[in-house]
Amino acid sequence: MNFILYTYKPNLLYTFLKNTMDIKNTMDILGSITDKMQQCSLSSIQPIQPLQPIKSVQSIQPIKSVQPIQPVQPVQPLQPLQHIKSVTQGQWIGWSEKSKDVEFKSSSKCIGNGEHKLAKELDIETNPGGQNSTVDLYHKEIGPISVKDMTSDDCTLGTEGSQRMTKVFIRMIYLLVNWCEKYSLQCTHAREVLDMLNQTGTTSKMTLLQGIERREISGSNFNKLNNIIEHVKKIKNDVVQNEYITDICDYMKNDTFQDKMNECVRQEAIVMTLIVVHKKKGWMIVKDVSKLSCPRITRGSVRIHLCTDGT
């Protein structure tokens, strides 16, 4: 029997005891109830925690209207250079977006500066020619191309330029040196020329004779050699063993040493299409060979200079 129930319902307990039990049993039951109540400690009953009030809910912000995604516009491909023959010659054409990712300076000893960049501009897919090739690039419309870097004002020609220069030296310069060395004791003119060859130029530590032997002739020695040749042409009838001088004059005719060297560099724009490149200015097709000249000789070959803007 669950006596705890009747402790909370005294009317039910009284009615139960009255109807079912005598006095003795009633006292026993009451004693048992008392013992049960003493065993139940009210302190052990945990009070019910009051409910915490609900914090105010932040109002939900309405979602802003989403802008529709714009369709991606297709990237327009870079248009190839149309009809390169119609490009204005003798004028700088700036580097375009087509070659912006191509470095101007070459990382290969066999490839000149600007060659890869120019190939990108002209839509040339073949690789540059390299060190042993006389052609730097080839274009389907204009054929073989010689590319020369004019960022530093002038540059050295390659194998073809060196060969053309060597022919001039054999027909003229080497004959002059042989004559003055062989006949310096017999001919005052030969001795005079030999002395001039043994002098240093204003911008060179080498004598002119040393420069000829090494094929390294500075600008000042270059001008001096030109003057010596002109001097020899004037005295050809007064020299000893003038067959040397006669051969030189027959080869030179009315040309100067400067003219012969200019001819060497101008052939570059005659046998091929010459395109000069500049790190900042871009590229230029050169057809007017009168603007090309040779200012000096370095590394065994003529250097080529382009006269532009009065330079």
Protein backbone atom coordinates (compact mmCIF):
# COMPACT_ATOMS: atom_id res chain seq x y z
CA MET A 1 0.00 0.00 0.00
CA ASN A 2 1.35 3.38 -0.93
CA PHE A 3 1.12 5.36 2.37
CA ILE A 4 2.81 8.38 0.82
CA LEU A 5 -0.30 8.98 -1.23
CA TYR A 6 -2.46 9.36 1.87
CA THR A 7 -0.09 11.85 3.49
CA TYR A 8 -1.03 14.26 0.77
CA LYS A 9 -4.73 13.27 0.87
CA PRO A 10 -5.77 13.22 4.61
CA ASN A 11 -9.49 12.84 3.84
CA LEU A 12 -8.84 9.67 1.95
CA LEU A 13 -6.70 8.32 4.80
CA TYR A 14 -9.36 9.00 7.43
CA THR A 15 -12.06 7.36 5.35
CA PHE A 16 -9.86 4.37 4.70
CA LEU A 17 -9.00 3.83 8.35
CA LYS A 18 -12.60 4.31 9.51
CA ASN A 19 -14.05 1.77 7.16
CA THR A 20 -11.39 -0.93 7.18
CA MET A 21 -9.39 -1.02 10.42
CA ASP A 22 -9.74 -0.99 14.19
CA ILE A 23 -8.02 1.33 16.62
CA LYS A 24 -4.90 -0.76 17.08
CA ASN A 25 -4.30 -1.22 13.44
CA THR A 26 -4.93 2.45 12.94
CA MET A 27 -2.23 3.40 15.45
CA ASP A 28 0.21 0.99 13.83
CA ILE A 29 -0.44 2.46 10.45
CA LEU A 30 -0.09 6.02 11.73
CA GLY A 31 3.24 5.11 13.37
CA SER A 32 4.50 3.62 10.15
CA ILE A 33 3.41 6.73 8.29
CA THR A 34 5.25 8.91 10.78
CA ASP A 35 8.44 6.88 10.33
CA LYS A 36 8.17 7.21 6.57
CA MET A 37 7.69 10.94 6.79
CA GLN A 38 10.76 11.31 9.02
CA GLN A 39 12.83 9.37 6.51
CA CYS A 40 11.80 11.70 3.72
CA SER A 41 13.78 14.91 4.09
CA LEU A 42 12.10 17.80 2.49
CA SER A 43 15.47 19.47 2.12
CA SER A 44 16.50 16.83 -0.41
CA ILE A 45 13.77 17.96 -2.75
CA GLN A 46 15.30 20.32 -5.32
CA PRO A 47 13.24 23.40 -5.87
CA ILE A 48 11.96 23.87 -9.36
CA GLN A 49 13.98 26.52 -11.17
CA PRO A 50 11.85 29.27 -12.54
CA LEU A 51 11.79 29.53 -16.30
CA GLN A 52 14.13 32.15 -17.71
CA PRO A 53 12.45 34.76 -19.75
CA ILE A 54 13.14 34.44 -23.49
CA LYS A 55 15.41 37.11 -24.72
CA SER A 56 14.06 39.31 -27.35
CA VAL A 57 14.68 37.88 -30.78
CA GLN A 58 16.41 40.16 -33.21
CA SER A 59 14.23 40.86 -36.09
CA ILE A 60 15.39 39.12 -39.26
CA GLN A 61 16.61 41.55 -41.85
CA PRO A 62 14.97 41.13 -45.17
CA ILE A 63 17.23 39.69 -47.87
CA LYS A 64 18.23 42.28 -50.37
CA SER A 65 17.37 41.55 -53.92
CA VAL A 66 20.13 39.58 -55.67
CA GLN A 67 21.48 41.15 -58.80
CA PRO A 68 21.33 38.76 -61.72
CA ILE A 69 24.73 37.41 -62.86
CA GLN A 70 25.84 39.11 -66.02
CA PRO A 71 26.91 36.74 -68.77
CA VAL A 72 30.69 36.63 -69.36
CA GLN A 73 31.63 38.38 -72.54
CA PRO A 74 33.79 36.22 -74.80
CA VAL A 75 37.42 37.38 -75.08
CA GLN A 76 38.16 38.70 -78.51
CA PRO A 77 41.27 37.03 -79.95
CA LEU A 78 44.16 39.30 -80.91
CA GLN A 79 44.01 39.94 -84.59
CA PRO A 80 47.05 38.91 -86.62
CA LEU A 81 49.09 41.60 -88.35
CA GLN A 82 47.51 41.95 -91.76
CA HIS A 83 49.65 42.48 -94.87
CA ILE A 84 53.02 43.30 -93.34
CA LYS A 85 54.10 44.72 -96.69
CA SER A 86 51.71 47.60 -96.11
CA VAL A 87 53.36 48.54 -92.80
CA THR A 88 54.93 51.99 -92.94
CA GLN A 89 58.66 51.53 -93.32
CA GLY A 90 61.20 53.68 -91.53
CA GLN A 91 58.89 54.36 -88.56
CA TRP A 92 58.88 52.80 -85.11
CA ILE A 93 55.93 50.51 -84.40
CA GLY A 94 55.38 50.12 -80.67
CA TRP A 95 55.14 46.75 -78.96
CA SER A 96 51.50 45.67 -78.75
CA GLU A 97 49.51 43.53 -76.31
CA LYS A 98 50.34 40.49 -78.42
CA SER A 99 53.90 40.33 -77.13
CA LYS A 100 53.45 41.80 -73.64
CA ASP A 101 54.27 38.45 -72.00
CA VAL A 102 57.46 37.95 -74.03
CA GLU A 103 60.71 39.31 -72.62
CA PHE A 104 62.77 41.57 -74.88
CA LYS A 105 66.12 40.41 -73.51
CA SER A 106 67.08 36.99 -74.78
CA SER A 107 68.03 34.26 -72.32
CA SER A 108 69.95 32.34 -74.99
CA LYS A 109 73.38 33.22 -76.39
CA CYS A 110 72.28 31.97 -79.80
CA ILE A 111 69.18 34.16 -80.03
CA GLY A 112 69.36 37.94 -80.26
CA ASN A 113 67.41 40.39 -78.13
CA GLY A 114 63.90 41.08 -79.38
CA GLU A 115 63.70 38.11 -81.76
CA HIS A 116 61.11 36.14 -79.79
CA LYS A 117 59.15 39.33 -79.13
CA LEU A 118 59.13 40.32 -82.80
CA ALA A 119 58.10 36.80 -83.81
CA LYS A 120 55.04 37.16 -81.58
CA GLU A 121 54.17 40.52 -83.14
CA LEU A 122 54.44 39.11 -86.68
CA ASP A 123 52.61 35.84 -85.89
CA ILE A 124 55.70 33.80 -86.72
CA GLU A 125 55.40 30.37 -85.13
CA THR A 126 58.78 28.96 -86.17
CA ASN A 127 61.76 29.33 -83.84
CA PRO A 128 64.49 31.94 -84.47
CA GLY A 129 67.41 30.80 -86.61
CA GLY A 130 70.14 30.70 -83.97
CA GLN A 131 73.89 31.31 -84.00
CA ASN A 132 74.83 29.33 -87.12
CA SER A 133 71.97 30.62 -89.23
CA THR A 134 72.22 33.73 -91.41
CA VAL A 135 68.44 34.20 -91.07
CA ASP A 136 66.98 35.25 -87.72
CA LEU A 137 63.28 34.86 -88.60
CA TYR A 138 61.25 33.82 -91.62
CA HIS A 139 57.91 35.38 -92.58
CA LYS A 140 55.64 33.90 -95.23
CA GLU A 141 55.10 37.28 -96.91
CA ILE A 142 58.45 39.07 -96.64
CA GLY A 143 60.74 36.05 -96.49
CA PRO A 144 64.00 35.94 -94.48
CA ILE A 145 64.39 38.57 -91.78
CA SER A 146 67.50 39.92 -90.09
CA VAL A 147 66.73 41.27 -86.61
CA LYS A 148 69.11 43.79 -85.03
CA ASP A 149 68.85 45.29 -81.55
CA MET A 150 69.38 49.07 -81.69
CA THR A 151 68.65 49.77 -78.02
CA SER A 152 72.34 50.67 -77.53
CA ASP A 153 72.54 52.77 -80.71
CA ASP A 154 74.34 50.15 -82.84
CA CYS A 155 75.04 46.41 -82.90
CA THR A 156 77.43 43.89 -84.43
CA LEU A 157 76.51 42.00 -87.57
CA GLY A 158 76.88 38.23 -87.58
CA THR A 159 78.65 35.79 -89.86
CA GLU A 160 77.59 37.38 -93.13
CA GLY A 161 78.75 40.81 -92.02
CA SER A 162 82.09 39.41 -90.89
CA GLN A 163 82.64 37.67 -94.24
CA ARG A 164 81.88 40.81 -96.21
CA MET A 165 84.28 42.81 -94.05
CA THR A 166 87.03 40.20 -94.45
CA LYS A 167 86.89 40.55 -98.25
CA VAL A 168 87.49 44.29 -97.93
CA PHE A 169 90.39 43.73 -95.55
CA ILE A 170 92.04 41.22 -97.91
CA ARG A 171 91.72 43.53 -100.92
CA MET A 172 92.78 46.69 -99.16
CA ILE A 173 93.84 46.77 -95.48
CA TYR A 174 96.13 43.74 -95.47
CA LEU A 175 97.81 44.96 -98.67
CA LEU A 176 98.43 48.33 -97.05
CA VAL A 177 100.00 46.76 -93.93
CA ASN A 178 102.19 44.42 -96.01
CA TRP A 179 103.44 47.28 -98.17
CA CYS A 180 104.39 49.69 -95.38
CA GLU A 181 106.06 47.00 -93.26
CA LYS A 182 108.02 45.60 -96.21
CA TYR A 183 109.18 48.90 -97.68
CA SER A 184 109.39 51.21 -94.65
CA LEU A 185 113.21 51.32 -94.95
CA GLN A 186 113.16 52.07 -98.67
CA CYS A 187 110.22 54.43 -98.99
CA THR A 188 109.57 57.45 -96.81
CA HIS A 189 105.86 57.26 -97.60
CA ALA A 190 105.75 53.65 -96.41
CA ARG A 191 107.56 54.65 -93.24
CA GLU A 192 105.19 57.51 -92.69
CA VAL A 193 102.13 55.24 -93.05
CA LEU A 194 103.65 52.66 -90.68
CA ASP A 195 104.15 55.34 -88.04
CA MET A 196 100.51 56.38 -88.34
CA LEU A 197 99.40 52.77 -87.99
CA ASN A 198 101.40 52.45 -84.78
CA GLN A 199 99.66 55.37 -83.11
CA THR A 200 96.75 54.96 -80.71
CA GLY A 201 93.40 56.58 -81.29
CA THR A 202 91.78 59.13 -79.00
CA THR A 203 89.28 56.56 -77.71
CA SER A 204 91.43 53.42 -77.88
CA LYS A 205 94.36 52.01 -75.92
CA MET A 206 95.36 49.86 -78.91
CA THR A 207 97.31 51.14 -81.84
CA LEU A 208 95.58 51.06 -85.19
CA LEU A 209 97.86 48.24 -86.34
CA GLN A 210 96.94 46.17 -83.28
CA GLY A 211 93.28 46.86 -83.96
CA ILE A 212 93.63 45.62 -87.54
CA GLU A 213 95.33 42.42 -86.38
CA ARG A 214 92.64 41.79 -83.74
CA ARG A 215 89.80 43.09 -85.92
CA GLU A 216 88.84 45.50 -83.14
CA ILE A 217 88.86 49.05 -84.49
CA SER A 218 87.41 51.83 -82.35
CA GLY A 219 85.58 54.82 -83.72
CA SER A 220 88.64 57.10 -83.59
CA ASN A 221 90.95 54.48 -85.17
CA PHE A 222 88.26 53.78 -87.78
CA ASN A 223 88.32 57.43 -88.88
CA LYS A 224 92.12 57.45 -88.85
CA LEU A 225 92.28 54.38 -91.09
CA ASN A 226 89.88 56.04 -93.51
CA ASN A 227 92.15 59.11 -93.68
CA ILE A 228 95.28 56.97 -94.21
CA ILE A 229 93.69 55.21 -97.19
CA GLU A 230 92.77 58.57 -98.74
CA HIS A 231 96.32 59.78 -98.18
CA VAL A 232 97.79 56.70 -99.88
CA LYS A 233 95.53 57.13 -102.94
CA LYS A 234 97.00 60.60 -103.43
CA ILE A 235 100.67 59.48 -103.32
CA LYS A 236 100.34 56.30 -105.35
CA ASN A 237 102.63 57.60 -108.12
CA ASP A 238 105.44 58.52 -105.74
CA VAL A 239 105.83 55.29 -103.77
CA VAL A 240 108.27 52.38 -104.09
CA GLN A 241 106.83 49.08 -105.32
CA ASN A 242 103.51 50.74 -106.02
CA GLU A 243 101.86 47.53 -107.30
CA TYR A 244 100.45 47.15 -103.78
CA ILE A 245 99.08 50.66 -103.84
CA THR A 246 97.88 50.24 -107.40
CA ASP A 247 95.86 47.16 -106.42
CA ILE A 248 94.34 49.08 -103.50
CA CYS A 249 93.38 52.03 -105.67
CA ASP A 250 91.94 49.82 -108.41
CA TYR A 251 89.73 48.13 -105.85
CA MET A 252 88.71 51.37 -104.15
CA LYS A 253 88.04 53.42 -107.28
CA ASN A 254 86.23 56.51 -105.98
CA ASP A 255 85.08 54.89 -102.75
CA THR A 256 86.51 55.51 -99.32
CA PHE A 257 87.18 52.96 -96.61
CA GLN A 258 84.03 54.28 -94.89
CA ASP A 259 82.04 53.67 -98.08
CA LYS A 260 83.24 50.05 -98.27
CA MET A 261 82.31 49.39 -94.66
CA ASN A 262 78.92 51.05 -95.13
CA GLU A 263 78.39 48.76 -98.10
CA CYS A 264 79.02 45.76 -95.86
CA VAL A 265 76.31 46.70 -93.39
CA ARG A 266 73.82 47.85 -96.04
CA GLN A 267 73.87 44.43 -97.66
CA GLU A 268 72.01 43.23 -94.57
CA ALA A 269 68.96 45.20 -95.71
CA ILE A 270 69.39 44.22 -99.38
CA VAL A 271 69.66 40.43 -99.26
CA MET A 272 67.07 40.17 -96.45
CA THR A 273 64.39 42.27 -94.80
CA LEU A 274 66.14 44.19 -92.05
CA ILE A 275 64.02 44.86 -88.97
CA VAL A 276 65.63 46.78 -86.13
CA VAL A 277 64.19 46.42 -82.63
CA HIS A 278 64.36 48.63 -79.56
CA LYS A 279 63.46 47.68 -76.01
CA LYS A 280 61.17 50.69 -75.55
CA LYS A 281 60.43 52.02 -79.04
CA GLY A 282 59.34 48.76 -80.66
CA TRP A 283 60.37 47.63 -84.15
CA MET A 284 61.02 49.16 -87.57
CA ILE A 285 61.37 47.82 -91.10
CA VAL A 286 64.41 49.43 -92.76
CA LYS A 287 64.45 49.77 -96.53
CA ASP A 288 66.29 53.08 -96.93
CA VAL A 289 69.85 51.75 -96.83
CA SER A 290 71.30 55.27 -96.95
CA LYS A 291 70.40 55.55 -93.25
CA LEU A 292 72.68 52.61 -92.41
CA SER A 293 76.37 53.07 -91.68
CA CYS A 294 79.34 51.39 -90.01
CA PRO A 295 80.82 53.38 -87.09
CA ARG A 296 83.44 50.84 -85.93
CA ILE A 297 84.52 47.21 -85.90
CA THR A 298 84.21 44.92 -82.87
CA ARG A 299 84.47 41.19 -82.23
CA GLY A 300 85.69 40.57 -85.75
CA SER A 301 82.75 42.15 -87.55
CA VAL A 302 81.31 45.48 -88.62
CA ARG A 303 78.82 47.24 -86.42
CA ILE A 304 75.62 48.60 -87.92
CA HIS A 305 74.17 51.99 -87.01
CA LEU A 306 70.75 53.35 -88.04
CA CYS A 307 70.50 57.10 -88.53
CA THR A 308 67.12 58.23 -87.16
CA ASP A 309 65.87 61.54 -85.79
CA GLY A 310 69.03 63.28 -86.88
CA THR A 311 71.43 60.76 -85.24
